[in-house]
Amino acid sequence: MKNIPIGQHLIEKGLITEEQLQQVLAKQKESKGKMFGDVILEMKLVTENQFSEVLAERLNIPFVDLDKAVLIPDVVKRIPEDTARKYNCIALNKVGRRLTVATSEPSNFYAMEDLRVVTGCSINFSMATKGAVNRAIGKMYSAGQTDSIVEEATKQKEEEKSLEDLANEASNDRIDNAPIVKLASTIVADSFRKEATDIHIEPFRDFTKIRIRVNGDLIELMTLSSALHVALVTRFKILSGMNIAEKRIPQDGRMSQVVDGTNLDLRVSNLPMVYGEKVVIRILATGDMSVRKITDLGMTEYNYQRFAACLKVPQGVVLVTGPTGSGKSTTLYAALGEIAKPNLNVITVEDPVEKKVEGINQCQINEKAGMTFDAALRSILRQDPDIIMVGEMRDAETAEIAIRAAITGHLVLSTIHTNDAASTVTRLVDMGVQAYMVATSLIGIVAQRLTKVLCPDCKKKRMSRPDEDELMGIDGPIEVYEPVGCPHCNNTGYRGRTAIHEILLSTPEMAQLITRGAKADEIQELASQQGCKLLRDNVSLLVQQGKTSMDELIRVTYAV
């Protein structure tokens, strides 16, 4: 049939007039969101069968009258009852691996894809009315349901013991050797071996691209046929506890995998895109791996002494600031590892708990259940803590509770998103915390970035240019190195990352300045006078030592 609106088809069939069509369209406009079919059936201008027959003809699919059709129970049961009710569909017949399904929504491609996954068959839709499908579902699925419930309850007790044995026998070999399972495991294992922090599974029209983030940059791992995409995504969704039938909304999950004897903790995020679902897997630090020491984080000896001095103060707040992925959590865990003692009660509140640390009480945020940062913090203050770690100061309420906890005799460690140490103070005041409270409670602020380290096997020496000397704050040209790329560094020119730091200490003079409501530039000027080495000073030193490049200095610290 011609590709014209369904209303015009109804007019051509002589079922409604042009005037009636305009009435339907006007009422649909008023209803704000109702489907054309629902409106015309409500107005009783056509019967449900008449409308469905015309729609089937327009979509070029068969129409079936389910009230008269003979349905086969074994075929119907290929689709689980909850799935049949969800998509208002019922299986009609099966030929080979092709399943014909009657539905009132034949244009629902999500339903078609989910049914294909659930049944393992390719799906052909036939048109049926919504009422007829509901009646057929009620009739076919209720038959024998009572008997099966009794039988299932009887068998359950008998099978509880044998299920574990069965799972550990031959079925394990069959599952582990399935091609898509092997592919999913290989992607994670290869990414971990390349020291990736994230895995991106990206769908496009003709292919699926797998990219991994190494040293802060995305590099391509492999390209797959688009035919593999749905199965691969489904595998990760199953492993991470997501709903495989839901493909229209974002989902989050968590899974684990053992690679080379290391138990990886993987956080999985799923997002519907134009050509399918994109999956991003964050490879988190695992409980198996020991907490890194502060001295292993790339901190200079000068900065380490300043940071260690902050951690010796018995009460107050120490903040670590920087953009996402700058290693703030790693620094906090290292700090906890240094100050946590058997005679101290250390409690953390995190979203999520990225690394499980022995001897520390760790609390997981659950927004849906009402376990928010501020709710958790209020409870923690009644748990007799000595040291509190707050994963992130996200809002004014969390910040205020944390600051009050610091004033009342606790050591509080937390992260916050700001560009540098000085602007952290003004950010807290902007969030609604009184300036005098910030000044009273603050011990120190650590601003942090991660900078890539040049590959020692292929870096190339050259002399610095005048503009680069100015950026580094030096007088004359010096020897600097730039990246080249070789097999050892995956042709990136860099191998690994190190942290650079800017540590502001809250001295009496600084506290007076903060209480007066000073701006960030005034705070930074006083901090510099009191010995705070800026981020640019740190990365300039790394460039002069040949550990990183001028490109990294510009990328990490450039400002207009």
Protein backbone atom coordinates (compact mmCIF):
# COMPACT_ATOMS: atom_id res chain seq x y z
CA MET A 1 0.00 0.00 0.00
CA LYS A 2 0.97 3.64 -0.41
CA ASN A 3 2.95 5.09 2.51
CA ILE A 4 0.26 7.51 3.69
CA PRO A 5 -1.11 8.13 7.22
CA ILE A 6 -3.37 5.46 8.71
CA GLY A 7 -6.26 7.94 8.80
CA GLN A 8 -6.16 8.29 5.01
CA HIS A 9 -6.20 4.49 4.67
CA LEU A 10 -9.35 4.38 6.80
CA ILE A 11 -10.97 6.99 4.54
CA GLU A 12 -10.00 5.02 1.39
CA LYS A 13 -11.52 1.88 2.91
CA GLY A 14 -14.74 3.81 3.52
CA LEU A 15 -14.58 3.27 7.28
CA ILE A 16 -14.52 6.97 8.26
CA THR A 17 -15.09 10.34 6.54
CA GLU A 18 -12.67 13.26 6.18
CA GLU A 19 -14.72 15.19 8.75
CA GLN A 20 -14.46 12.32 11.25
CA LEU A 21 -10.68 12.14 10.66
CA GLN A 22 -10.31 15.85 11.52
CA GLN A 23 -12.33 15.28 14.71
CA VAL A 24 -10.02 12.43 15.70
CA LEU A 25 -6.87 14.50 14.99
CA ALA A 26 -8.26 17.44 17.00
CA LYS A 27 -9.04 15.19 19.98
CA GLN A 28 -5.58 13.56 19.72
CA LYS A 29 -3.99 17.02 19.87
CA GLU A 30 -5.99 17.87 23.00
CA SER A 31 -5.07 14.55 24.68
CA LYS A 32 -1.33 15.42 24.50
CA GLY A 33 0.41 12.13 23.80
CA LYS A 34 -2.36 9.60 23.06
CA MET A 35 -1.89 7.38 20.02
CA PHE A 36 -4.14 7.90 16.99
CA GLY A 37 -5.46 4.31 17.28
CA ASP A 38 -6.41 4.72 20.96
CA VAL A 39 -8.33 7.95 20.20
CA ILE A 40 -10.29 6.58 17.24
CA LEU A 41 -11.26 3.45 19.20
CA GLU A 42 -12.36 5.57 22.17
CA MET A 43 -14.60 7.56 19.80
CA LYS A 44 -16.02 4.23 18.52
CA LEU A 45 -15.75 5.31 14.87
CA VAL A 46 -14.29 1.89 13.92
CA THR A 47 -14.08 -1.48 15.65
CA GLU A 48 -10.81 -2.83 17.07
CA ASN A 49 -10.73 -5.52 14.36
CA GLN A 50 -11.34 -3.04 11.55
CA PHE A 51 -8.56 -0.74 12.72
CA SER A 52 -6.09 -3.61 13.20
CA GLU A 53 -6.85 -5.07 9.75
CA VAL A 54 -6.15 -1.73 8.04
CA LEU A 55 -2.98 -1.20 10.09
CA ALA A 56 -1.74 -4.70 9.19
CA GLU A 57 -2.37 -3.98 5.50
CA ARG A 58 -0.48 -0.68 5.73
CA LEU A 59 2.50 -2.41 7.46
CA ASN A 60 2.33 -5.29 4.97
CA ILE A 61 1.99 -7.98 7.65
CA PRO A 62 -0.77 -10.61 8.15
CA PHE A 63 -3.75 -9.99 10.42
CA VAL A 64 -4.89 -12.83 12.70
CA ASP A 65 -8.14 -13.10 14.63
CA LEU A 66 -6.88 -14.71 17.85
CA ASP A 67 -10.40 -15.41 19.11
CA LYS A 68 -10.76 -17.93 16.26
CA ALA A 69 -7.14 -19.11 15.94
CA VAL A 70 -5.96 -22.51 17.21
CA LEU A 71 -2.92 -21.99 19.47
CA ILE A 72 -0.35 -24.69 20.31
CA PRO A 73 0.65 -24.71 24.04
CA ASP A 74 4.27 -25.81 23.39
CA VAL A 75 4.74 -22.95 20.90
CA VAL A 76 3.04 -20.40 23.15
CA LYS A 77 5.32 -21.33 26.08
CA ARG A 78 8.41 -20.40 24.00
CA ILE A 79 7.72 -16.88 25.30
CA PRO A 80 7.62 -16.55 29.13
CA GLU A 81 4.34 -15.20 30.50
CA ASP A 82 5.82 -11.99 31.95
CA THR A 83 7.48 -11.19 28.59
CA ALA A 84 4.23 -11.94 26.72
CA ARG A 85 2.30 -9.59 29.02
CA LYS A 86 5.01 -6.91 28.87
CA TYR A 87 4.91 -6.69 25.07
CA ASN A 88 1.26 -7.79 24.62
CA CYS A 89 2.18 -10.67 22.33
CA ILE A 90 1.66 -14.41 21.94
CA ALA A 91 3.46 -17.05 19.86
CA LEU A 92 1.40 -18.49 16.98
CA ASN A 93 3.60 -21.07 15.28
CA LYS A 94 7.22 -22.12 14.85
CA VAL A 95 8.89 -23.31 11.64
CA GLY A 96 12.54 -24.23 12.11
CA ARG A 97 14.12 -21.32 13.99
CA ARG A 98 11.46 -18.83 12.85
CA LEU A 99 8.76 -17.91 15.38
CA THR A 100 5.58 -16.11 14.30
CA VAL A 101 4.24 -13.86 17.04
CA ALA A 102 0.89 -12.06 17.18
CA THR A 103 1.03 -8.59 18.72
CA SER A 104 -0.93 -5.34 18.90
CA GLU A 105 2.34 -3.34 18.53
CA PRO A 106 4.16 -4.69 15.44
CA SER A 107 6.31 -1.54 15.17
CA ASN A 108 7.95 -2.16 18.57
CA PHE A 109 11.47 -3.14 17.49
CA TYR A 110 12.64 -3.33 21.13
CA ALA A 111 10.06 -6.09 21.65
CA MET A 112 11.24 -7.92 18.52
CA GLU A 113 14.87 -7.81 19.68
CA ASP A 114 14.06 -8.93 23.23
CA LEU A 115 11.89 -11.79 21.98
CA ARG A 116 14.71 -12.88 19.70
CA VAL A 117 17.08 -13.01 22.70
CA VAL A 118 14.56 -14.75 24.98
CA THR A 119 13.42 -17.40 22.46
CA GLY A 120 16.60 -17.89 20.45
CA CYS A 121 14.51 -17.62 17.26
CA SER A 122 14.12 -15.01 14.54
CA ILE A 123 10.77 -13.23 14.97
CA ASN A 124 8.00 -12.52 12.45
CA PHE A 125 5.16 -10.31 13.66
CA SER A 126 1.48 -10.73 12.80
CA MET A 127 -1.15 -8.14 13.67
CA ALA A 128 -3.80 -8.84 16.31
CA THR A 129 -6.05 -6.66 18.46
CA LYS A 130 -4.92 -5.75 21.97
CA GLY A 131 -8.01 -7.28 23.59
CA ALA A 132 -7.65 -10.56 21.66
CA VAL A 133 -3.98 -10.88 22.66
CA ASN A 134 -4.82 -10.31 26.34
CA ARG A 135 -7.56 -12.92 26.19
CA ALA A 136 -5.29 -15.46 24.49
CA ILE A 137 -2.53 -14.90 27.09
CA GLY A 138 -4.97 -15.41 29.95
CA LYS A 139 -6.35 -18.56 28.35
CA MET A 140 -3.10 -20.24 27.32
CA TYR A 141 -0.83 -19.44 30.30
CA SER A 142 -3.36 -20.27 33.01
CA ALA A 143 -3.87 -23.81 31.66
CA GLY A 144 -1.95 -26.24 33.83
CA GLN A 145 -0.51 -23.41 35.96
CA THR A 146 -1.79 -24.85 39.24
CA ASP A 147 -0.37 -28.29 38.48
CA SER A 148 2.99 -26.81 37.51
CA ILE A 149 3.19 -24.73 40.72
CA VAL A 150 2.60 -27.84 42.83
CA GLU A 151 5.09 -29.80 40.79
CA GLU A 152 7.68 -26.99 41.01
CA ALA A 153 7.31 -26.71 44.79
CA THR A 154 7.76 -30.48 45.16
CA LYS A 155 10.82 -30.56 42.94
CA GLN A 156 12.46 -27.53 44.54
CA LYS A 157 13.46 -29.33 47.71
CA GLU A 158 14.75 -32.30 45.73
CA GLU A 159 16.81 -30.14 43.37
CA GLU A 160 18.35 -27.68 45.87
CA LYS A 161 21.21 -30.06 46.64
CA SER A 162 21.80 -31.20 43.07
CA LEU A 163 21.84 -27.74 41.41
CA GLU A 164 25.29 -26.85 42.71
CA ASP A 165 26.71 -30.18 41.59
CA LEU A 166 25.22 -29.81 38.12
CA ALA A 167 26.60 -26.28 37.76
CA ASN A 168 30.12 -27.49 38.48
CA GLU A 169 30.13 -30.37 35.99
CA ALA A 170 30.01 -30.48 32.20
CA SER A 171 27.81 -27.40 31.87
CA ASN A 172 30.69 -25.23 33.08
CA ASP A 173 32.89 -26.32 30.17
CA ARG A 174 30.09 -25.71 27.68
CA ILE A 175 29.32 -22.21 29.01
CA ASP A 176 32.97 -21.13 29.33
CA ASN A 177 33.70 -22.23 25.77
CA ALA A 178 30.76 -20.39 24.14
CA PRO A 179 32.27 -17.95 21.59
CA ILE A 180 30.56 -14.80 22.89
CA VAL A 181 31.53 -15.66 26.49
CA LYS A 182 35.14 -16.12 25.42
CA LEU A 183 35.03 -12.79 23.55
CA ALA A 184 33.70 -10.89 26.58
CA SER A 185 36.37 -12.42 28.84
CA THR A 186 39.12 -11.71 26.31
CA ILE A 187 38.17 -8.03 25.99
CA VAL A 188 38.42 -7.53 29.76
CA ALA A 189 41.65 -9.55 30.07
CA ASP A 190 43.39 -7.76 27.16
CA SER A 191 42.34 -4.35 28.51
CA PHE A 192 43.66 -5.15 31.99
CA ARG A 193 46.96 -6.39 30.56
CA LYS A 194 47.31 -3.10 28.64
CA GLU A 195 46.79 -1.24 31.95
CA ALA A 196 43.49 0.28 30.81
CA THR A 197 41.20 2.06 33.26
CA ASP A 198 38.05 1.94 31.10
CA ILE A 199 36.63 -0.18 28.26
CA HIS A 200 34.23 1.41 25.74
CA ILE A 201 31.99 -0.86 23.61
CA GLU A 202 30.56 1.48 20.98
CA PRO A 203 27.90 0.53 18.39
CA PHE A 204 27.92 2.02 14.89
CA ARG A 205 25.86 1.18 11.80
CA ASP A 206 28.22 -1.37 10.22
CA PHE A 207 30.57 -2.29 13.07
CA THR A 208 31.19 -2.21 16.81
CA LYS A 209 34.31 -0.49 18.07
CA ILE A 210 36.08 -1.50 21.30
CA ARG A 211 38.26 1.27 22.72
CA ILE A 212 40.20 1.38 25.99
CA ARG A 213 41.49 4.30 28.04
CA VAL A 214 45.21 3.98 28.71
CA ASN A 215 47.10 6.81 30.43
CA GLY A 216 44.05 9.03 30.04
CA ASP A 217 43.73 8.58 26.26
CA LEU A 218 41.33 6.36 24.33
CA ILE A 219 43.00 3.88 21.98
CA GLU A 220 41.33 1.29 19.75
CA LEU A 221 41.49 -2.30 20.97
CA MET A 222 39.50 -4.03 18.21
CA THR A 223 36.64 -3.63 15.72
CA LEU A 224 33.89 -6.25 15.61
CA SER A 225 31.05 -7.06 13.24
CA SER A 226 27.85 -5.28 14.28
CA ALA A 227 26.16 -8.70 14.28
CA LEU A 228 28.04 -9.51 17.51
CA HIS A 229 27.02 -6.35 19.33
CA VAL A 230 23.70 -7.39 20.87
CA ALA A 231 25.05 -10.74 22.10
CA LEU A 232 28.16 -9.10 23.58
CA VAL A 233 26.17 -6.39 25.35
CA THR A 234 23.69 -8.98 26.63
CA ARG A 235 26.58 -11.01 28.06
CA PHE A 236 27.91 -8.03 30.04
CA LYS A 237 24.38 -7.09 31.18
CA ILE A 238 23.81 -10.62 32.51
CA LEU A 239 27.17 -10.66 34.31
CA SER A 240 26.60 -7.25 35.90
CA GLY A 241 23.03 -7.98 37.04
CA MET A 242 21.20 -5.68 34.62
CA ASN A 243 17.77 -6.28 33.07
CA ILE A 244 18.53 -7.68 29.60
CA ALA A 245 14.96 -7.07 28.41
CA GLU A 246 15.23 -3.31 29.09
CA LYS A 247 17.03 -1.50 26.27
CA ARG A 248 15.43 1.93 26.37
CA ILE A 249 16.90 3.40 29.55
CA PRO A 250 20.43 3.60 31.03
CA GLN A 251 21.42 0.93 33.56
CA ASP A 252 24.34 0.40 35.93
CA GLY A 253 25.77 -2.81 37.30
CA ARG A 254 28.82 -4.45 38.76
CA MET A 255 30.72 -7.65 37.98
CA SER A 256 34.05 -9.31 38.69
CA GLN A 257 36.51 -11.37 36.66
CA VAL A 258 39.77 -13.11 37.48
CA VAL A 259 42.61 -12.19 35.11
CA ASP A 260 46.06 -13.67 35.60
CA GLY A 261 45.22 -14.50 39.21
CA THR A 262 43.95 -10.96 40.00
CA ASN A 263 40.30 -10.54 40.92
CA LEU A 264 39.10 -7.48 38.97
CA ASP A 265 36.16 -5.42 40.21
CA LEU A 266 34.33 -3.99 37.16
CA ARG A 267 31.70 -1.24 37.20
CA VAL A 268 29.45 -1.46 34.13
CA SER A 269 27.40 1.41 32.67
CA ASN A 270 24.93 0.92 29.84
CA LEU A 271 23.46 3.71 27.67
CA PRO A 272 21.08 3.37 24.66
CA MET A 273 22.53 4.98 21.51
CA VAL A 274 21.33 5.37 17.90
CA TYR A 275 22.66 1.99 16.71
CA GLY A 276 22.35 0.01 19.95
CA GLU A 277 23.53 0.11 23.53
CA LYS A 278 26.94 1.52 24.45
CA VAL A 279 28.66 -0.14 27.37
CA VAL A 280 31.47 1.41 29.40
CA ILE A 281 33.31 -0.78 31.89
CA ARG A 282 35.43 0.89 34.59
CA ILE A 283 38.23 -1.36 35.86
CA LEU A 284 38.36 -0.51 39.55
CA ALA A 285 41.13 -1.11 42.03
CA THR A 286 40.49 -4.48 43.64
CA GLY A 287 40.43 -5.70 47.21
CA ASP A 288 43.22 -8.14 46.30
CA MET A 289 45.68 -5.33 45.59
CA SER A 290 47.26 -3.62 48.55
CA VAL A 291 46.65 0.08 49.20
CA ARG A 292 49.40 2.17 47.65
CA LYS A 293 51.57 4.31 49.90
CA ILE A 294 51.65 8.09 49.57
CA THR A 295 55.32 7.91 48.60
CA ASP A 296 54.34 5.75 45.58
CA LEU A 297 51.97 8.37 44.15
CA GLY A 298 54.59 10.62 42.58
CA MET A 299 54.56 13.24 45.34
CA THR A 300 57.79 15.19 45.66
CA GLU A 301 59.60 14.97 49.00
CA TYR A 302 58.72 18.63 49.69
CA ASN A 303 55.00 18.06 49.05
CA TYR A 304 55.04 14.78 50.99
CA GLN A 305 56.33 16.55 54.11
CA ARG A 306 53.53 19.15 53.80
CA PHE A 307 50.86 16.46 53.29
CA ALA A 308 52.16 14.31 56.16
CA ALA A 309 51.96 17.39 58.41
CA CYS A 310 48.24 17.75 57.50
CA LEU A 311 47.53 14.15 58.46
CA LYS A 312 49.12 14.54 61.91
CA VAL A 313 46.51 17.11 62.99
CA PRO A 314 43.94 15.29 65.21
CA GLN A 315 40.87 17.25 64.11
CA GLY A 316 39.90 19.29 61.08
CA VAL A 317 39.25 18.73 57.39
CA VAL A 318 41.73 17.78 54.64
CA LEU A 319 40.40 18.15 51.09
CA VAL A 320 41.72 16.60 47.88
CA THR A 321 40.55 18.41 44.74
CA GLY A 322 40.82 17.87 41.01
CA PRO A 323 38.81 16.79 37.95
CA THR A 324 37.27 13.34 37.44
CA GLY A 325 39.93 10.68 36.99
CA SER A 326 42.76 12.68 38.58
CA GLY A 327 43.50 10.07 41.28
CA LYS A 328 41.76 11.79 44.22
CA SER A 329 40.35 8.53 45.63
CA THR A 330 43.75 6.82 45.36
CA THR A 331 45.33 9.65 47.37
CA LEU A 332 42.61 9.41 50.04
CA TYR A 333 43.05 5.63 50.36
CA ALA A 334 46.81 6.12 50.66
CA ALA A 335 46.21 8.71 53.39
CA LEU A 336 43.87 6.34 55.25
CA GLY A 337 46.44 3.57 55.01
CA GLU A 338 48.98 5.87 56.62
CA ILE A 339 46.87 7.16 59.52
CA ALA A 340 44.53 4.21 60.29
CA LYS A 341 45.69 2.50 63.49
CA PRO A 342 44.14 -0.36 65.51
CA ASN A 343 43.18 2.07 68.29
CA LEU A 344 41.22 4.35 65.93
CA ASN A 345 37.68 4.02 64.52
CA VAL A 346 37.89 4.90 60.82
CA ILE A 347 34.59 5.13 58.88
CA THR A 348 34.17 5.97 55.18
CA VAL A 349 31.07 6.91 53.21
CA GLU A 350 31.59 6.34 49.48
CA ASP A 351 29.70 6.08 46.18
CA PRO A 352 30.76 3.49 45.24
CA VAL A 353 33.23 1.72 47.55
CA GLU A 354 36.07 1.36 45.04
CA LYS A 355 38.59 -0.48 47.19
CA LYS A 356 37.87 -2.62 50.21
CA VAL A 357 40.44 -1.84 52.92
CA GLU A 358 40.96 -4.19 55.83
CA GLY A 359 40.39 -2.66 59.27
CA ILE A 360 38.32 0.25 57.95
CA ASN A 361 34.50 0.50 58.19
CA GLN A 362 33.25 1.34 54.71
CA CYS A 363 29.71 2.53 53.97
CA GLN A 364 28.11 2.36 50.49
CA ILE A 365 25.73 5.09 49.29
CA ASN A 366 22.33 3.95 47.99
CA GLU A 367 20.32 6.95 46.77
CA LYS A 368 17.22 4.87 45.86
CA ALA A 369 16.96 3.52 49.40
CA GLY A 370 17.48 6.98 50.93
CA MET A 371 21.09 6.29 51.93
CA THR A 372 22.49 9.63 50.78
CA PHE A 373 25.80 11.27 51.76
CA ASP A 374 24.17 13.58 54.28
CA ALA A 375 21.98 10.82 55.78
CA ALA A 376 25.00 8.50 56.11
CA LEU A 377 27.12 11.28 57.64
CA ARG A 378 24.51 12.06 60.29
CA SER A 379 24.50 8.39 61.32
CA ILE A 380 28.29 8.11 61.23
CA LEU A 381 28.59 10.94 63.77
CA ARG A 382 26.67 8.72 66.20
CA GLN A 383 29.07 5.79 65.55
CA ASP A 384 31.90 7.22 67.74
CA PRO A 385 34.32 7.87 64.83
CA ASP A 386 37.88 9.18 65.08
CA ILE A 387 38.48 9.61 61.35
CA ILE A 388 35.78 10.08 58.69
CA MET A 389 36.32 9.86 54.95
CA VAL A 390 33.57 11.35 52.75
CA GLY A 391 33.83 10.19 49.14
CA GLU A 392 32.76 13.55 47.74
CA MET A 393 31.30 16.86 48.96
CA ARG A 394 28.50 17.05 46.39
CA ASP A 395 26.10 19.51 48.01
CA ALA A 396 25.83 22.19 50.67
CA GLU A 397 24.30 19.86 53.27
CA THR A 398 27.07 17.26 52.99
CA ALA A 399 29.74 19.98 53.10
CA GLU A 400 28.22 21.62 56.18
CA ILE A 401 27.88 18.34 58.12
CA ALA A 402 31.49 17.39 57.25
CA ILE A 403 32.79 20.81 58.35
CA ARG A 404 30.81 20.62 61.61
CA ALA A 405 32.20 17.12 62.22
CA ALA A 406 35.71 18.53 61.81
CA ILE A 407 35.00 21.38 64.24
CA THR A 408 33.62 18.97 66.85
CA GLY A 409 36.85 16.98 67.09
CA HIS A 410 37.05 14.57 64.15
CA LEU A 411 39.58 14.29 61.35
CA VAL A 412 37.60 14.46 58.07
CA LEU A 413 39.06 13.57 54.66
CA SER A 414 37.09 14.31 51.50
CA THR A 415 37.22 15.26 47.80
CA ILE A 416 35.66 18.21 45.99
CA HIS A 417 35.65 19.29 42.33
CA THR A 418 37.54 22.58 41.85
CA ASN A 419 40.38 23.73 39.56
CA ASP A 420 43.02 24.52 42.20
CA ALA A 421 43.62 24.66 45.93
CA ALA A 422 42.77 28.35 46.39
CA SER A 423 39.39 28.19 44.59
CA THR A 424 38.35 25.30 46.89
CA VAL A 425 37.92 27.76 49.77
CA THR A 426 35.64 30.08 47.76
CA ARG A 427 33.73 27.03 46.46
CA LEU A 428 32.90 25.94 50.02
CA VAL A 429 31.73 29.46 50.89
CA ASP A 430 29.61 29.56 47.70
CA MET A 431 28.03 26.23 48.73
CA GLY A 432 26.72 27.97 51.85
CA VAL A 433 29.33 27.07 54.49
CA GLN A 434 30.16 30.09 56.64
CA ALA A 435 33.65 31.52 55.96
CA TYR A 436 34.58 31.43 59.67
CA MET A 437 33.66 27.71 59.81
CA VAL A 438 35.88 26.96 56.80
CA ALA A 439 38.74 28.91 58.38
CA THR A 440 38.30 27.16 61.75
CA SER A 441 38.10 23.62 60.41
CA LEU A 442 40.44 23.61 57.41
CA ILE A 443 43.84 21.89 57.81
CA GLY A 444 44.97 21.76 54.19
CA ILE A 445 43.93 21.36 50.54
CA VAL A 446 45.66 19.10 48.00
CA ALA A 447 45.00 19.98 44.35
CA GLN A 448 45.95 17.08 42.10
CA ARG A 449 46.32 16.16 38.41
CA LEU A 450 47.69 13.14 36.57
CA THR A 451 50.33 13.68 33.93
CA LYS A 452 51.62 11.09 31.48
CA VAL A 453 55.19 9.81 31.82
CA LEU A 454 57.37 9.63 28.70
CA CYS A 455 58.38 6.19 27.47
CA PRO A 456 62.09 5.81 28.39
CA ASP A 457 62.70 3.60 25.34
CA CYS A 458 61.69 6.06 22.63
CA LYS A 459 61.59 9.63 23.98
CA LYS A 460 63.50 12.12 21.84
CA LYS A 461 65.73 14.96 23.08
CA ARG A 462 65.54 18.57 21.83
CA MET A 463 66.18 22.12 23.05
CA SER A 464 63.30 24.15 24.47
CA ARG A 465 61.86 27.18 22.63
CA PRO A 466 61.59 30.69 24.17
CA ASP A 467 57.79 30.42 24.64
CA GLU A 468 58.29 27.08 26.43
CA ASP A 469 60.97 28.61 28.68
CA GLU A 470 58.45 31.28 29.64
CA LEU A 471 55.83 28.63 30.49
CA MET A 472 58.35 26.80 32.69
CA GLY A 473 59.45 30.04 34.33
CA ILE A 474 63.14 29.63 33.38
CA ASP A 475 65.63 32.04 31.74
CA GLY A 476 67.39 30.07 29.02
CA PRO A 477 66.82 27.02 26.77
CA ILE A 478 67.28 23.58 28.32
CA GLU A 479 67.13 19.99 27.09
CA VAL A 480 63.55 18.66 27.01
CA TYR A 481 62.08 15.43 25.65
CA GLU A 482 59.12 14.73 23.41
CA PRO A 483 57.14 11.50 22.71
CA VAL A 484 57.87 9.32 19.70
CA GLY A 485 56.13 5.94 20.03
CA CYS A 486 57.40 2.37 20.00
CA PRO A 487 56.07 -1.18 20.64
CA HIS A 488 56.90 -0.85 24.37
CA CYS A 489 54.44 2.04 24.82
CA ASN A 490 51.83 0.88 22.30
CA ASN A 491 53.07 3.60 19.92
CA THR A 492 51.73 6.37 22.19
CA GLY A 493 55.06 7.78 23.37
CA TYR A 494 53.99 7.51 27.00
CA ARG A 495 54.11 4.73 29.55
CA GLY A 496 52.23 5.21 32.83
CA ARG A 497 51.15 8.33 34.70
CA THR A 498 52.30 10.20 37.77
CA ALA A 499 50.53 12.73 39.98
CA ILE A 500 51.41 16.39 40.41
CA HIS A 501 50.26 18.26 43.52
CA GLU A 502 49.63 21.74 44.91
CA ILE A 503 49.31 21.73 48.71
CA LEU A 504 47.83 24.70 50.55
CA LEU A 505 48.22 24.74 54.35
CA SER A 506 45.80 26.64 56.59
CA THR A 507 48.15 28.77 58.67
CA PRO A 508 46.86 31.42 61.17
CA GLU A 509 47.40 34.13 58.51
CA MET A 510 45.49 32.03 55.94
CA ALA A 511 42.62 31.48 58.41
CA GLN A 512 42.34 35.27 58.96
CA LEU A 513 42.28 35.84 55.19
CA ILE A 514 39.55 33.21 54.69
CA THR A 515 37.44 34.66 57.55
CA ARG A 516 37.58 38.08 55.85
CA GLY A 517 36.02 36.49 52.73
CA ALA A 518 39.09 36.83 50.52
CA LYS A 519 38.96 35.90 46.82
CA ALA A 520 40.82 32.93 45.30
CA ASP A 521 43.67 35.04 43.84
CA GLU A 522 44.43 36.59 47.26
CA ILE A 523 44.44 33.13 48.88
CA GLN A 524 46.73 31.79 46.15
CA GLU A 525 49.13 34.72 46.53
CA LEU A 526 49.47 34.15 50.29
CA ALA A 527 49.80 30.36 49.76
CA SER A 528 52.69 30.94 47.32
CA GLN A 529 54.40 33.27 49.80
CA GLN A 530 54.06 30.53 52.45
CA GLY A 531 55.77 27.91 50.26
CA CYS A 532 52.94 26.34 48.23
CA LYS A 533 54.39 24.95 44.98
CA LEU A 534 51.78 25.39 42.22
CA LEU A 535 50.73 22.61 39.82
CA ARG A 536 52.67 24.30 37.02
CA ASP A 537 55.82 24.39 39.18
CA ASN A 538 55.48 20.63 39.74
CA VAL A 539 54.95 19.68 36.11
CA SER A 540 57.70 22.11 34.97
CA LEU A 541 60.11 20.24 37.24
CA LEU A 542 59.05 16.94 35.61
CA VAL A 543 59.69 18.42 32.14
CA GLN A 544 63.14 19.63 33.21
CA GLN A 545 63.89 16.15 34.61
CA GLY A 546 62.91 14.57 31.27
CA LYS A 547 60.00 12.64 32.81
CA THR A 548 57.21 14.29 30.81
CA SER A 549 56.75 16.52 27.76
CA MET A 550 55.88 20.16 27.10
CA ASP A 551 52.59 18.95 25.58
CA GLU A 552 51.65 17.52 28.98
CA LEU A 553 52.60 20.73 30.79
CA ILE A 554 50.26 22.67 28.49
CA ARG A 555 47.47 20.06 28.69
CA VAL A 556 47.50 19.83 32.48
CA THR A 557 48.01 23.45 33.54
CA TYR A 558 47.23 25.74 30.60
CA ALA A 559 44.90 28.64 31.37
CA VAL A 560 43.86 31.58 29.17
